Amino acid sequence: MEYVSALLPPVVMAAFFIALVVTIVKSQGGPNKAKEDAFVDAALARAEVTRQADGSAGPGRV
């Protein structure tokens, strides 16, 4: 019965991981996707404006 106690934790972790991935995939999209995308786009635009106003170098710039 040692093999049961040795295999049980990885099997339980795998089951929870699969459930987590399924939950994440199911939560993508849906009716709020456009709203979420607009929020992220607005945040990125604000960050870009702030970076340009500060005159700081962006990624890959010296």
Foldseek 3Di string as FASTA:
>chain_A
DVVCVVPVVVVVVVVVVVVVVVVVVVPADDPCNVVVVVVVVVVVVVVVVVCVVVVHDDPPGD
